[in-house]
Each structure stands twice: as structure tokens, then as C-alpha cells.
């Protein structure tokens, strides 16, 4: 299949494992250059090496995405390496079990930082480059925003926020020719889910 992604630089948050890994592998098979963005450089590099062995290209950037400064630095690292960004896949998140009954303010806010705030920050810092490339943003979300799950208030709220940001950005960025879409995932067997 040719999705027209040859040599496109696509940033994938949480790209080393799970859904992000799958996205990176498909991007590489399509000739794109996935930028594997995640907190563990060894995991990032392991996938990049595997993609290279299969004949593809990949690039790694280590970043703890719950740190706002790290989000900006990650985008700067991509631009320094490639001079452009053609797409962003916001994927990283953590279903951390921060519920209403047994949760706390601190836990809830931490949950939003692990699963929502970096979606905004990465898009914000990548936006000047996405304007130039007329790139795309794909936000990976979860059905928990619509169905609930029980004992996951933080994660459910973050996913509701992802859906809202997708709709908001699609309207706001239309004038630049930037497409914004969401992929809503149900149960998916990943290392985190296991």
C-alpha cells in the first residue's frame, strides 16, 4: 500500500511500545521516518534498530512528556535533526487507575499530565512546522471517554479532553490545510494492558 508517506518525518509520542510501536512500524513500512518519542531511550533505540534491520528509517528522542520543558525540547531536537515535521501522532498515555472515590487532587492532575497535557504541548510546539508542511495531527484516544471504565477518572477525563482538542484543532487549523483526526481505541493488547 502506498499512503504517500515516503520520507515524511512523523513524530510519535509513546512510540517505543504498544500502539505507538505499531504506528512506528507501519510508518516505516510506508517509507516515512517515524520519530520515536518516549521516556526510555533504550526502548526507543531498540525499536529504531529493529526498524533499520527491516530496511526502514527511524529516529529517537528521549523525553519525559509529563515535563512541559521536555515537550518543547523534543520538538526542537526533531527540527534540529530534520529541519521539518510532517506529522504528529499524539499517542502516549497511562491508564493509571486514578478514580473518584480513592483518588486525590494531586493524582488527578498528575494523570492529566501523563495522558493529556503533552498532547497540547507537542502540537503547540510542532505547529509552526506543520503549517509549513501542511502536515497532519492524529490523536490516539480511548473509548473510556465515552463509556467510562470505573476507577479511571483521570484517564477518562484526559481522553475526553483528547476528543475535544481533536475537534477544536480541526476547526482552528483548517485555514492552514492541517488535518486533525482521532483514532479511538477499545481494549488493545499492549504491554501496559497486560
Foldseek 3Di string as FASTA:
>chain_A
DAPPQAAAEEEEECLLWDPNVVVCLVSFVNNYAYEYEEADVVSSVVSQVVSVVVPGHYHYDHFDQLDLVRLLVRLVVVCVVPVAHQEYEYEFAAQDLQADPPHDPVRLVSRLSRQAPSLVSNCVNRVVRCLVNLHEYEYEAECCLPVNDHSRVSNNVRRVNSVVVQVVCCVVCVVSNYHGYYDYDYDGDIPNSD
